[in-house]
Protein backbone atom coordinates (compact mmCIF):
# COMPACT_ATOMS: atom_id res chain seq x y z
CA UNK A 1 206.31 194.15 93.31
CA UNK A 2 209.04 191.63 93.94
CA UNK A 3 207.29 188.32 94.66
CA UNK A 4 209.46 185.55 93.36
CA UNK A 5 213.09 184.41 93.53
CA UNK A 6 215.13 186.12 96.26
CA UNK A 7 218.14 184.94 98.34
CA UNK A 8 219.79 185.90 101.69
CA UNK A 9 223.17 185.39 103.36
CA UNK A 10 223.33 185.49 107.15
CA UNK A 11 225.41 186.27 110.13
CA UNK A 12 228.02 183.57 109.80
CA UNK A 13 230.02 182.93 106.67
CA UNK A 14 230.77 179.35 105.78
CA UNK A 15 232.95 177.70 103.18
CA UNK A 16 230.68 175.71 100.90
CA UNK A 17 231.57 172.51 99.17
CA UNK A 18 231.33 172.73 95.44
CA UNK A 19 228.10 174.37 94.46
CA UNK A 20 226.49 176.37 97.26
CA UNK A 21 226.07 179.65 95.46
CA UNK A 22 224.50 180.90 92.28
CA UNK A 23 227.27 181.22 89.74
CA UNK A 24 227.72 184.32 87.63
CA UNK A 25 226.74 184.18 83.98
CA UNK A 26 229.04 182.00 81.93
CA UNK A 27 230.59 180.12 84.84
CA UNK A 28 230.04 176.47 85.71
CA UNK A 29 227.31 175.90 88.34
CA UNK A 30 228.41 174.86 91.81
CA UNK A 31 226.65 171.92 93.41
CA UNK A 32 226.07 171.78 97.16
CA UNK A 33 224.64 168.80 98.96
CA UNK A 34 226.37 168.94 102.33
CA UNK A 35 224.45 168.76 105.59
CA UNK A 36 223.91 171.81 107.80
CA UNK A 37 227.28 173.07 109.13
CA UNK A 38 228.26 171.95 112.62
CA UNK A 39 230.83 173.71 114.76
CA UNK A 40 231.34 176.63 117.13
CA UNK A 41 231.15 180.41 116.74
CA UNK A 42 232.72 183.05 118.94
CA UNK A 43 230.03 185.73 119.23
CA UNK A 44 227.64 184.47 121.91
CA UNK A 45 230.33 184.02 124.56
CA UNK A 46 232.98 186.57 123.61
CA UNK A 47 231.34 189.26 121.44
CA UNK A 48 234.13 191.40 119.91
CA UNK A 49 236.67 190.63 122.65
CA UNK A 50 238.55 188.01 120.63
CA UNK A 51 242.15 187.47 119.59
CA UNK A 52 244.51 184.63 118.71
CA UNK A 53 244.71 183.42 122.30
CA UNK A 54 240.93 183.29 122.78
CA UNK A 55 240.34 181.38 119.57
CA UNK A 56 243.27 179.00 120.17
CA UNK A 57 241.99 178.15 123.64
CA UNK A 58 238.52 177.44 122.23
CA UNK A 59 240.00 175.24 119.49
CA UNK A 60 241.85 173.25 122.12
CA UNK A 61 238.69 172.92 124.23
CA UNK A 62 236.72 171.97 121.10
CA UNK A 63 239.08 169.04 120.50
CA UNK A 64 239.29 168.05 124.17
CA UNK A 65 235.49 167.87 124.41
CA UNK A 66 235.35 165.31 121.60
CA UNK A 67 233.26 167.52 119.34
CA UNK A 68 235.12 166.53 116.14
CA UNK A 69 234.31 162.86 116.72
CA UNK A 70 230.62 163.82 116.99
CA UNK A 71 230.73 165.58 113.60
CA UNK A 72 231.44 169.19 114.57
CA UNK A 73 233.95 170.75 112.16
CA UNK A 74 233.84 174.55 111.95
CA UNK A 75 235.49 177.09 114.24
CA UNK A 76 234.00 180.42 113.19
CA UNK A 77 235.60 183.75 114.14
CA UNK A 78 232.78 186.29 114.38
CA UNK A 79 232.76 190.09 114.67
CA UNK A 80 235.66 191.82 116.43
CA UNK A 81 238.69 190.33 114.68
CA UNK A 82 239.12 193.40 112.44
CA UNK A 83 238.95 197.12 113.19
CA UNK A 84 238.48 198.26 109.58
CA UNK A 85 242.10 199.00 108.60
CA UNK A 86 243.45 198.45 105.08
CA UNK A 87 246.81 198.98 103.40
CA UNK A 88 247.43 201.22 100.40
CA UNK A 89 246.29 198.48 98.04
CA UNK A 90 243.00 198.03 99.91
CA UNK A 91 243.93 194.73 101.54
CA UNK A 92 242.67 194.07 105.07
CA UNK A 93 245.26 194.54 107.82
CA UNK A 94 244.97 193.38 111.44
CA UNK A 95 246.65 194.22 114.73
CA UNK A 96 249.71 191.92 115.03
CA UNK A 97 249.45 192.06 118.81
CA UNK A 98 246.01 190.45 118.60
CA UNK A 99 246.80 188.19 115.68
CA UNK A 100 250.52 187.28 115.63
CA UNK A 101 251.32 185.89 112.21
CA UNK A 102 248.13 187.39 110.80
CA UNK A 103 244.84 185.67 110.17
CA UNK A 104 246.47 182.89 108.18
CA UNK A 105 248.21 181.78 111.37
CA UNK A 106 244.96 181.15 113.25
CA UNK A 107 243.45 179.45 110.18
CA UNK A 108 246.52 177.21 110.04
CA UNK A 109 246.14 176.34 113.73
CA UNK A 110 242.47 175.44 113.23
CA UNK A 111 243.40 173.29 110.25
CA UNK A 112 246.19 171.60 112.21
CA UNK A 113 243.47 170.08 114.40
CA UNK A 114 241.65 168.67 111.39
CA UNK A 115 238.98 171.40 111.55
CA UNK A 116 237.63 174.06 109.20
CA UNK A 117 237.97 177.81 109.78
CA UNK A 118 235.29 180.47 109.42
CA UNK A 119 235.58 184.25 109.30
CA UNK A 120 233.20 187.21 109.32
CA UNK A 121 232.51 190.49 107.53
CA UNK A 122 229.64 192.84 106.75
CA UNK A 123 227.88 193.62 103.49
CA UNK A 124 228.08 197.39 104.08
CA UNK A 125 230.92 199.91 104.37
CA UNK A 126 230.81 199.85 108.17
CA UNK A 127 230.14 196.65 110.03
CA UNK A 128 228.32 195.83 113.26
CA UNK A 129 231.40 196.81 115.28
CA UNK A 130 230.86 200.39 114.15
CA UNK A 131 227.14 200.60 114.86
CA UNK A 132 227.11 198.39 117.98
CA UNK A 133 230.60 198.29 119.53
CA UNK A 134 230.80 195.47 122.10
CA UNK A 135 234.17 194.92 123.73
CA UNK A 136 236.14 197.11 121.29
CA UNK A 137 235.95 200.73 120.14
CA UNK A 138 233.64 201.58 117.25
CA UNK A 139 235.31 200.41 114.04
CA UNK A 140 234.53 202.44 110.90
CA UNK A 141 235.29 200.75 107.60
CA UNK A 142 234.91 197.23 108.97
CA UNK A 143 232.64 196.08 106.14
CA UNK A 144 233.41 194.68 102.71
CA UNK A 145 231.33 196.95 100.48
CA UNK A 146 233.46 198.05 97.54
CA UNK A 147 235.88 195.17 98.21
CA UNK A 148 233.75 192.06 97.80
CA UNK A 149 236.03 190.21 95.39
CA UNK A 150 239.19 191.48 97.08
CA UNK A 151 238.05 190.44 100.56
CA UNK A 152 236.67 187.03 99.56
CA UNK A 153 239.91 186.33 97.74
CA UNK A 154 241.94 187.42 100.78
CA UNK A 155 239.86 185.20 103.08
CA UNK A 156 240.43 182.24 100.78
CA UNK A 157 244.17 182.92 100.52
CA UNK A 158 244.40 183.08 104.31
CA UNK A 159 242.94 179.58 104.29
CA UNK A 160 239.40 180.17 105.54
CA UNK A 161 236.65 177.79 104.53
CA UNK A 162 233.49 179.66 105.59
CA UNK A 163 232.43 183.30 105.57
CA UNK A 164 229.52 184.87 107.43
CA UNK A 165 228.35 188.16 105.95
CA UNK A 166 226.36 190.33 108.36
CA UNK A 167 223.95 193.15 107.56
CA UNK A 168 224.52 196.06 109.95
CA UNK A 169 226.03 198.27 107.27
CA UNK A 170 223.68 196.97 104.61
CA UNK A 171 220.71 197.77 106.83
CA UNK A 172 221.97 201.27 107.70
CA UNK A 173 222.62 202.05 104.02
CA UNK A 174 219.30 200.52 102.94
CA UNK A 175 220.97 198.20 100.46
CA UNK A 176 218.84 195.63 98.67
CA UNK A 177 219.53 192.28 100.35
CA UNK A 178 218.93 190.01 97.37
CA UNK A 179 221.13 191.85 94.88
CA UNK A 180 223.80 192.65 97.48
CA UNK A 181 224.20 189.05 98.57
CA UNK A 182 224.16 187.91 94.95
CA UNK A 183 227.13 190.20 94.34
CA UNK A 184 228.87 188.68 97.36
CA UNK A 185 228.06 185.18 96.10
CA UNK A 186 229.57 186.08 92.75
CA UNK A 187 232.66 187.35 94.59
CA UNK A 188 232.93 184.00 96.39
CA UNK A 189 232.83 182.28 93.00
CA UNK A 190 235.53 184.61 91.67
CA UNK A 191 237.72 183.98 94.71
CA UNK A 192 237.39 180.23 94.25
CA UNK A 193 238.44 180.53 90.62
CA UNK A 194 241.52 182.52 91.67
CA UNK A 195 242.56 180.53 94.74
CA UNK A 196 241.06 177.07 94.31
CA UNK A 197 239.39 177.37 97.74
CA UNK A 198 235.61 177.48 97.97
CA UNK A 199 234.11 179.52 100.81
CA UNK A 200 230.81 178.46 102.33
CA UNK A 201 228.66 181.58 102.29
CA UNK A 202 226.43 182.29 105.27
CA UNK A 203 223.90 185.07 104.62
CA UNK A 204 222.87 187.12 107.63
CA UNK A 205 220.29 189.81 106.90
CA UNK A 206 218.28 188.59 109.94
CA UNK A 207 215.37 187.58 107.70
CA UNK A 208 214.64 191.21 106.81
CA UNK A 209 214.61 190.63 103.06
CA UNK A 210 212.75 187.28 103.10
CA UNK A 211 215.95 185.39 102.26
CA UNK A 212 214.09 182.06 102.12
CA UNK A 213 212.78 183.33 98.77
CA UNK A 214 216.20 183.95 97.17
CA UNK A 215 218.84 182.41 99.44
CA UNK A 216 218.96 178.86 98.04
CA UNK A 217 221.79 178.79 95.53
CA UNK A 218 223.08 182.21 96.55
CA UNK A 219 224.40 180.98 99.87
CA UNK A 220 224.46 177.69 101.69
CA UNK A 221 222.53 179.10 104.65
CA UNK A 222 220.56 182.25 105.41
CA UNK A 223 219.54 183.74 108.74
CA UNK A 224 215.80 183.85 109.25
CA UNK A 225 215.57 186.03 112.39
CA UNK A 226 217.33 188.43 114.71
CA UNK A 227 220.08 187.26 117.09
CA UNK A 228 218.98 184.51 119.44
CA UNK A 229 220.70 186.33 122.31
CA UNK A 230 221.86 189.93 122.49
CA UNK A 231 225.20 190.65 124.10
CA UNK A 232 224.89 191.03 127.85
CA UNK A 233 221.54 189.23 128.04
CA UNK A 234 220.89 185.74 129.34
CA UNK A 235 219.70 183.05 127.01
CA UNK A 236 216.00 182.22 127.24
CA UNK A 237 213.73 179.48 125.98
CA UNK A 238 211.25 182.11 124.78
CA UNK A 239 213.85 183.53 122.42
CA UNK A 240 214.80 180.03 121.26
CA UNK A 241 211.15 179.36 120.43
CA UNK A 242 210.75 182.70 118.63
CA UNK A 243 213.77 182.02 116.40
CA UNK A 244 212.55 178.49 115.71
CA UNK A 245 209.13 179.78 114.62
CA UNK A 246 210.69 182.35 112.30
CA UNK A 247 212.95 179.73 110.71
CA UNK A 248 210.25 177.42 109.33
CA UNK A 249 210.36 177.78 105.54
CA UNK A 250 210.21 174.16 104.40
CA UNK A 251 209.99 174.66 100.64
CA UNK A 252 213.26 176.64 100.65
CA UNK A 253 215.37 173.98 102.38
CA UNK A 254 216.83 171.01 100.54
CA UNK A 255 220.01 169.41 99.24
CA UNK A 256 222.61 171.63 100.84
CA UNK A 257 220.64 174.84 101.37
CA UNK A 258 219.33 175.52 104.87
CA UNK A 259 217.37 178.01 106.93
CA UNK A 260 219.51 179.35 109.80
CA UNK A 261 217.73 180.34 113.04
CA UNK A 262 221.10 181.44 114.53
CA UNK A 263 223.86 180.02 116.71
CA UNK A 264 223.08 177.74 119.63
CA UNK A 265 222.76 178.99 123.19
CA UNK A 266 222.68 175.51 124.75
CA UNK A 267 224.67 175.45 127.99
CA UNK A 268 224.69 179.21 128.40
CA UNK A 269 223.36 181.05 131.45
CA UNK A 270 219.56 181.19 131.39
CA UNK A 271 218.88 177.72 129.97
CA UNK A 272 218.50 174.56 132.03
CA UNK A 273 219.79 171.24 130.72
CA UNK A 274 216.21 170.25 129.82
CA UNK A 275 215.73 173.51 127.93
CA UNK A 276 219.04 172.94 126.13
CA UNK A 277 217.76 169.54 125.01
CA UNK A 278 214.58 171.17 123.73
CA UNK A 279 216.72 173.77 121.92
CA UNK A 280 218.79 171.07 120.18
CA UNK A 281 215.66 169.09 119.40
CA UNK A 282 214.09 172.11 117.71
CA UNK A 283 217.21 172.76 115.64
CA UNK A 284 217.50 169.06 114.72
CA UNK A 285 213.85 168.68 113.64
CA UNK A 286 214.26 171.78 111.45
CA UNK A 287 217.62 170.65 110.02
CA UNK A 288 219.34 173.83 111.20
CA UNK A 289 223.09 174.50 111.51
CA UNK A 290 224.50 173.31 114.83
CA UNK A 291 226.97 176.06 115.75
CA UNK A 292 227.59 176.06 119.48
CA UNK A 293 228.00 179.43 121.19
CA UNK A 294 228.90 178.32 124.72
CA UNK A 295 232.39 178.93 126.14
CA UNK A 296 233.88 175.52 125.39
CA UNK A 297 236.60 175.87 128.03
CA UNK A 298 234.01 176.07 130.82
CA UNK A 299 231.23 173.98 129.24
CA UNK A 300 229.64 171.43 131.57
CA UNK A 301 229.77 167.70 130.92
CA UNK A 302 225.97 167.75 130.61
CA UNK A 303 226.10 170.37 127.85
CA UNK A 304 228.81 168.42 126.03
CA UNK A 305 226.62 165.31 126.19
CA UNK A 306 223.62 167.19 124.81
CA UNK A 307 225.65 168.61 121.92
CA UNK A 308 227.17 165.22 121.09
CA UNK A 309 224.03 163.06 121.26
CA UNK A 310 224.41 160.94 118.10
CA UNK A 311 220.70 160.26 117.58
CA UNK A 312 219.87 163.98 117.67
CA UNK A 313 222.76 164.74 115.30
CA UNK A 314 221.60 162.05 112.88
CA UNK A 315 218.20 163.74 112.64
CA UNK A 316 219.78 167.13 112.03
CA UNK A 317 222.21 165.77 109.45
CA UNK A 318 219.77 163.44 107.68
CA UNK A 319 220.90 163.13 104.04
CA UNK A 320 217.54 164.16 102.59
CA UNK A 321 218.20 167.62 104.03
CA UNK A 322 214.51 168.40 104.62
CA UNK A 323 212.95 170.62 107.26
CA UNK A 324 210.42 169.33 109.76
CA UNK A 325 206.90 170.78 109.67
CA UNK A 326 204.03 171.07 112.13
CA UNK A 327 201.66 168.16 111.63
CA UNK A 328 199.31 168.56 114.60
CA UNK A 329 198.24 170.92 117.37
CA UNK A 330 195.35 169.17 119.12
CA UNK A 331 195.18 171.92 121.73
CA UNK A 332 196.80 175.38 121.63
CA UNK A 333 200.49 175.09 122.50
CA UNK A 334 200.68 171.29 122.18
CA UNK A 335 202.55 171.06 118.90
CA UNK A 336 203.75 168.01 116.99
CA UNK A 337 206.45 168.39 114.31
CA UNK A 338 207.39 165.69 111.82
CA UNK A 339 210.45 165.40 109.60
CA UNK A 340 210.75 162.96 106.70
CA UNK A 341 214.03 161.03 106.98
CA UNK A 342 216.03 159.01 104.47
CA UNK A 343 214.98 155.38 104.18
CA UNK A 344 211.56 153.78 104.03
CA UNK A 345 208.88 154.82 106.48
CA UNK A 346 211.21 156.83 108.73
CA UNK A 347 210.20 160.03 110.50
CA UNK A 348 211.62 162.20 113.27
CA UNK A 349 209.01 163.61 115.63
CA UNK A 350 209.22 166.45 118.14
CA UNK A 351 206.38 166.81 120.65
CA UNK A 352 206.62 170.36 122.01
CA UNK A 353 204.58 171.49 125.02
CA UNK A 354 204.50 175.29 125.01
CA UNK A 355 201.92 175.50 127.80
CA UNK A 356 202.38 175.97 131.54
CA UNK A 357 201.09 172.48 132.46
CA UNK A 358 202.21 168.94 131.75
CA UNK A 359 200.09 167.31 129.04
CA UNK A 360 199.64 164.01 127.28
CA UNK A 361 200.54 164.45 123.64
CA UNK A 362 199.93 162.18 120.65
CA UNK A 363 201.94 161.54 117.49
CA UNK A 364 199.66 159.91 114.90
CA UNK A 365 201.18 157.92 112.07
CA UNK A 366 198.55 159.25 109.63
CA UNK A 367 199.58 162.88 110.31
CA UNK A 368 203.18 161.96 109.48
CA UNK A 369 202.29 160.45 106.10
CA UNK A 370 202.82 156.87 107.25
CA UNK A 371 200.51 154.08 106.19
CA UNK A 372 198.35 151.87 108.39
CA UNK A 373 200.13 149.34 110.52
CA UNK A 374 202.44 149.32 113.50
CA UNK A 375 205.54 151.49 113.80
CA UNK A 376 208.52 151.28 116.14
CA UNK A 377 209.41 154.28 118.32
CA UNK A 378 212.77 155.37 119.74
CA UNK A 379 213.40 158.08 122.35
CA UNK A 380 216.47 159.98 121.14
CA UNK A 381 217.58 161.66 124.37
CA UNK A 382 217.46 158.47 126.45
CA UNK A 383 218.58 156.48 123.37
CA UNK A 384 216.02 153.77 124.16
CA UNK A 385 213.77 151.78 121.83
CA UNK A 386 210.25 152.10 123.24
CA UNK A 387 208.52 149.35 121.28
CA UNK A 388 205.97 149.02 118.50
CA UNK A 389 202.64 150.88 118.46
CA UNK A 390 199.65 150.29 116.15
CA UNK A 391 198.68 153.77 114.94
CA UNK A 392 200.02 156.43 117.32
CA UNK A 393 202.23 157.09 120.33
CA UNK A 394 201.21 158.98 123.45
CA UNK A 395 203.51 160.44 126.08
CA UNK A 396 203.26 162.94 128.92
CA UNK A 397 205.36 166.01 128.13
CA UNK A 398 206.28 168.40 130.97
CA UNK A 399 205.36 172.07 130.74
CA UNK A 400 207.79 174.02 128.58
CA UNK A 401 209.54 170.84 127.49
CA UNK A 402 209.66 168.40 124.59
CA UNK A 403 210.16 164.78 123.54
CA UNK A 404 212.29 163.86 120.51
CA UNK A 405 211.56 160.55 118.75
CA UNK A 406 212.13 158.59 115.62
CA UNK A 407 209.26 156.53 114.21
CA UNK A 408 209.78 153.73 111.70
CA UNK A 409 206.75 152.24 110.00
CA UNK A 410 205.11 151.70 106.63
CA UNK A 411 205.21 154.43 104.02
CA UNK A 412 201.92 156.04 103.11
CA UNK A 413 200.50 156.06 99.59
CA UNK A 414 202.38 157.82 96.81
CA UNK A 415 201.79 158.77 93.20
CA UNK A 416 204.45 158.66 90.50
CA UNK A 417 204.62 160.77 87.36
CA UNK A 418 206.81 160.90 84.28
CA UNK A 419 207.72 164.19 82.61
CA UNK A 420 205.04 165.68 80.39
CA UNK A 421 207.48 167.92 78.58
CA UNK A 422 211.08 167.01 79.41
CA UNK A 423 211.34 169.32 82.42
CA UNK A 424 207.72 169.49 83.57
CA UNK A 425 205.59 167.13 85.63
CA UNK A 426 201.80 167.36 85.81
CA UNK A 427 200.92 166.40 89.38
CA UNK A 428 197.51 165.92 90.96
CA UNK A 429 197.03 166.49 94.70
CA UNK A 430 194.12 165.30 96.84
CA UNK A 431 194.47 168.33 99.13
CA UNK A 432 196.24 171.66 99.40
CA UNK A 433 199.43 171.43 101.47
CA UNK A 434 202.92 170.01 101.75
CA UNK A 435 204.23 166.86 100.12
CA UNK A 436 207.59 165.27 99.44
CA UNK A 437 208.63 165.04 95.81
CA UNK A 438 211.40 162.57 95.04
CA UNK A 439 212.88 163.45 91.65
CA UNK A 440 214.81 160.75 89.81
CA UNK A 441 217.42 161.83 87.30
CA UNK A 442 220.35 160.66 85.22
CA UNK A 443 223.37 162.92 85.00
CA UNK A 444 223.65 165.36 87.89
CA UNK A 445 226.29 167.90 88.76
CA UNK A 446 224.01 170.91 88.39
CA UNK A 447 221.90 173.37 90.32
CA UNK A 448 218.33 173.35 89.04
CA UNK A 449 215.56 175.90 89.38
CA UNK A 450 212.40 174.35 90.83
CA UNK A 451 209.00 176.00 90.50
CA UNK A 452 205.53 174.78 91.44
CA UNK A 453 202.65 176.52 89.71
CA UNK A 454 203.29 180.28 90.01
CA UNK A 455 205.09 180.11 93.35
CA UNK A 456 208.47 181.62 94.17
CA UNK A 457 211.15 179.57 92.37
CA UNK A 458 213.82 177.93 94.47
CA UNK A 459 217.09 176.14 93.76
CA UNK A 460 217.98 172.49 94.34
CA UNK A 461 221.34 170.85 93.76
CA UNK A 462 221.62 167.55 91.90
CA UNK A 463 224.93 165.98 92.93
CA UNK A 464 227.17 164.48 90.29
CA UNK A 465 226.20 160.89 89.61
CA UNK A 466 225.29 158.66 86.71
CA UNK A 467 221.83 158.54 88.22
CA UNK A 468 220.16 159.32 91.50
CA UNK A 469 217.31 161.09 93.20
CA UNK A 470 216.76 164.27 95.18
CA UNK A 471 213.84 164.80 97.57
CA UNK A 472 212.30 168.23 98.10
CA UNK A 473 209.29 169.55 99.97
CA UNK A 474 206.69 171.18 97.73
CA UNK A 475 203.43 172.98 98.49
CA UNK A 476 200.66 171.78 96.19
CA UNK A 477 197.17 173.03 95.45
CA UNK A 478 194.26 170.63 95.54
CA UNK A 479 193.79 169.32 92.02
CA UNK A 480 196.15 169.98 89.10
CA UNK A 481 199.70 171.28 89.64
CA UNK A 482 202.69 171.90 87.41
CA UNK A 483 206.15 171.11 88.76
CA UNK A 484 208.96 172.41 86.55
CA UNK A 485 212.73 171.89 86.84
CA UNK A 486 215.20 173.68 84.62
CA UNK A 487 218.95 173.20 84.62
CA UNK A 488 219.08 169.44 85.21
CA UNK A 489 219.06 166.73 82.57
CA UNK A 490 217.74 163.19 82.40
CA UNK A 491 214.61 163.61 84.51
CA UNK A 492 212.82 160.28 84.60
CA UNK A 493 210.11 160.45 87.28
CA UNK A 494 208.81 162.18 90.37
CA UNK A 495 207.19 160.36 93.28
CA UNK A 496 204.87 162.52 95.37
CA UNK A 497 203.79 161.62 98.90
CA UNK A 498 201.50 163.88 100.95
CA UNK A 499 202.11 164.92 104.56
CA UNK A 500 198.46 164.90 105.68
CA UNK A 501 199.12 166.72 108.95
CA UNK A 502 200.48 169.68 106.97
CA UNK A 503 197.42 170.05 104.74
CA UNK A 504 195.27 173.17 104.51
CA UNK A 505 192.89 174.83 102.07
CA UNK A 506 193.02 177.67 99.58
CA UNK A 507 190.51 180.42 100.39
CA UNK A 508 189.31 181.65 96.98
CA UNK A 509 187.29 184.79 96.37
CA UNK A 510 184.08 184.16 94.41
CA UNK A 511 184.23 187.49 92.60
CA UNK A 512 187.95 187.58 91.83
CA UNK A 513 188.81 183.90 91.52
CA UNK A 514 191.99 184.80 93.43
CA UNK A 515 193.22 183.49 96.76
CA UNK A 516 193.79 184.80 100.28
CA UNK A 517 197.54 185.43 100.27
CA UNK A 518 200.38 186.60 102.53
CA UNK A 519 202.49 188.62 100.12
CA UNK A 520 205.92 187.34 99.06
CA UNK A 521 206.02 184.60 101.74
CA UNK A 522 206.39 187.38 104.33
CA UNK A 523 206.00 186.37 107.99
CA UNK A 524 206.09 189.84 109.58
CA UNK A 525 203.35 190.58 112.11
CA UNK A 526 200.95 193.18 110.75
CA UNK A 527 201.33 192.24 107.07
CA UNK A 528 197.98 193.00 105.44
CA UNK A 529 196.62 190.05 103.51
CA UNK A 530 195.65 190.36 99.87
CA UNK A 531 194.26 188.66 96.79
CA UNK A 532 196.70 186.88 94.51
CA UNK A 533 196.59 184.29 91.75
CA UNK A 534 195.98 180.91 93.37
CA UNK A 535 199.12 178.76 93.30
CA UNK A 536 198.92 176.47 96.36
CA UNK A 537 201.96 178.02 98.03
CA UNK A 538 202.63 177.89 101.76
CA UNK A 539 201.48 181.52 101.96
CA UNK A 540 198.07 180.49 100.58
CA UNK A 541 197.50 177.29 102.56
CA UNK A 542 195.16 178.00 105.49
CA UNK A 543 193.85 175.74 108.24
CA UNK A 544 190.60 176.49 110.08
CA UNK A 545 191.10 175.11 113.58
CA UNK A 546 188.66 173.93 116.24
CA UNK A 547 189.37 177.26 117.98
CA UNK A 548 188.10 179.09 114.87
CA UNK A 549 191.54 180.38 113.90
CA UNK A 550 192.63 180.61 110.26
CA UNK A 551 196.30 179.64 110.41
CA UNK A 552 198.97 180.08 107.73
CA UNK A 553 202.64 178.93 107.89
CA UNK A 554 201.61 176.78 110.86
CA UNK A 555 201.97 179.63 113.37
CA UNK A 556 200.46 182.87 111.98
CA UNK A 557 196.77 183.71 112.37
CA UNK A 558 194.41 185.80 110.30
CA UNK A 559 193.87 188.83 112.53
CA UNK A 560 191.67 191.93 112.68
CA UNK A 561 194.38 194.52 113.15
CA UNK A 562 194.60 196.14 116.58
CA UNK A 563 191.31 194.52 117.62
CA UNK A 564 189.50 196.71 115.12
CA UNK A 565 185.76 196.26 114.75
CA UNK A 566 184.95 199.01 112.24
CA UNK A 567 184.54 199.02 108.48
CA UNK A 568 187.92 199.16 106.75
CA UNK A 569 189.89 197.45 109.54
CA UNK A 570 192.91 195.79 107.84
CA UNK A 571 192.96 191.99 107.98
CA UNK A 572 196.56 191.00 108.70
CA UNK A 573 198.65 188.05 109.86
CA UNK A 574 199.91 187.93 113.45
CA UNK A 575 201.37 185.42 115.87
CA UNK A 576 198.47 183.26 117.04
CA UNK A 577 197.46 184.42 120.52
CA UNK A 578 193.95 183.01 121.03
CA UNK A 579 192.20 186.39 121.16
CA UNK A 580 188.78 186.85 119.63
CA UNK A 581 190.09 189.16 116.88
CA UNK A 582 191.76 186.02 115.50
CA UNK A 583 188.60 183.91 115.50
CA UNK A 584 186.51 183.49 112.37
CA UNK A 585 183.22 181.83 111.54
CA UNK A 586 183.19 180.07 108.17
CA UNK A 587 179.55 180.27 107.13
CA UNK A 588 177.35 178.17 104.84
CA UNK A 589 176.64 181.17 102.58
CA UNK A 590 180.36 181.51 101.75
CA UNK A 591 181.06 184.46 104.02
CA UNK A 592 183.80 184.50 106.65
CA UNK A 593 182.94 186.66 109.64
CA UNK A 594 185.05 187.88 112.52
CA UNK A 595 183.85 186.54 115.87
CA UNK A 596 184.78 189.77 117.64
CA UNK A 597 183.47 192.24 115.06
CA UNK A 598 180.66 190.36 113.30
CA UNK A 599 181.98 191.91 110.06
CA UNK A 600 182.81 190.07 106.85
CA UNK A 601 186.17 189.32 105.24
CA UNK A 602 186.02 191.67 102.24
CA UNK A 603 188.09 192.37 99.11
CA UNK A 604 188.40 196.15 99.47
CA UNK A 605 186.49 198.32 97.00
CA UNK A 606 185.25 195.11 95.37
CA UNK A 607 188.71 194.78 93.85
CA UNK A 608 189.65 191.71 91.85
CA UNK A 609 193.26 192.41 90.88
CA UNK A 610 196.40 190.90 92.33
CA UNK A 611 197.38 192.89 95.40
CA UNK A 612 193.84 193.90 96.39
CA UNK A 613 193.94 194.28 100.18
CA UNK A 614 191.55 192.46 102.49
CA UNK A 615 189.57 194.30 105.17
CA UNK A 616 186.59 193.94 107.47
CA UNK A 617 183.31 195.35 106.22
CA UNK A 618 179.67 195.13 107.10
CA UNK A 619 178.17 192.01 105.54
CA UNK A 620 176.08 192.72 102.43
CA UNK A 621 176.18 189.43 100.52
CA UNK A 622 178.04 190.67 97.43
CA UNK A 623 180.51 188.36 95.69
CA UNK A 624 183.59 190.18 97.06
CA UNK A 625 182.59 188.83 100.50
CA UNK A 626 182.01 185.21 99.46
CA UNK A 627 184.76 182.63 99.62
CA UNK A 628 185.21 178.97 98.76
CA UNK A 629 187.70 176.69 100.47
CA UNK A 630 189.55 174.08 98.42
């Protein structure tokens, strides 16, 4: 069973600054610490109907709209530029009528405007243009399988800076995402050694292979979901929200490595200006790439203003590089997200009303990990300072809308630790859940492996400096924890600060001593829960709400599959929907019973081993039906 250390590359390829991919054995590690890429991509507005003229006109509109001054840099050519032709030596060839001067000519034009150029391919033999032709005939052979090093080298020689590697061929051929994208990452490294140009690698397996487990250090960004809009469909806020939910993997994102919920649809048909602001607010609070998909030549002034809002961009590009997390949901659908920002006592806050009625919502300083005392609040869309507030801020949020704020107050309590063994810190947590860990070091320039307890390892880059610090989000178990970093020297201390609103509990079986677990950090609806060694990971941190839901990942509920009420019904995770098959009574005798069924949460066949599946069963009081919460 593959549980730990995976990585994914997603639908847009990007040129990474030094260090965004895992280097092959024997090569120097690359260090990435850039913010999420900002720019424009061709797919949402043009699908495969692109050529030199289309891209040139969008580059000109990009510049005319003032996007470079706002921080947007990439112009990414998506699927459709290539119909799968190669010369006798295996080099990619393109139609000179579509691309006069070849692909280097359009890269040169993009560069002439002070911008960076992105290009696209597929991990399989045949790309998406073969399986799903949109605007051009089906194109066999339009993938890079068998030519990874050759194609990455050709892209670099053409002058491209970013490469998105899609998964249509990989999916059809049933390739393994983690090993396939690692081979592509190694090819990017080889191309850089040959050409001197580093490509930013964007992994795009649509989240199928849990890329948040293995993507950091393989690519700079990894897609976490399906396309936000399918060709020919209108954009919708419901799809924006679905992609946002699927992109929340906070312990994977840090120092140059980011979850990618897909290109923006702001300004496209189907979204109002208010919904576009909510869309950008969601992407900013999660630190996602800002890659516009609207036709820039016909973009409205309102859309341009939304994209260029400097306060929103500052939240997205915050140098800590962390992802925002849900810190409160006082009533179903009234969600508060908080993001730790660089500086002292600074947070970004998104209040998201997913209900059909306007509601007063509250951001509490204590949920955000701020200490007692007043904090100042700024509204980012109106760009107005709202004043100082003693312990919380309340605001009416319209139905289906949001409010984006920054809050500046006093930092909450923290604990500092020195290494117990050179690369290991022994950390004590007052509760299970998320915390920031600021790691101080001397002598960076490396990519380190970070592991907490027995959780999935991740990668974090430590930029070159005589000394410095890197902040990551970690999921801790209540009590003793071991935080280990390998591959970085001169570790001096770690400062740990809880995010109380993101706390939960481990649910531990009395008989097995193992914890209620969603396998391999999987978020797929219908995944049957299991027992696994307790490690305090995000897939083992559960919150029992006032509505009797047991929630993991902030948005998945423990669920009696298909409303089952009989013995043996699988207990799975599913999007929280408020139905009674997702309600649970936590009882004084240690049992957990389904409200709908009256049956007990049960380790099947009284199993105690890792991987034992959890089911409903008639309550009998044995130890495989008793649970403690820590």
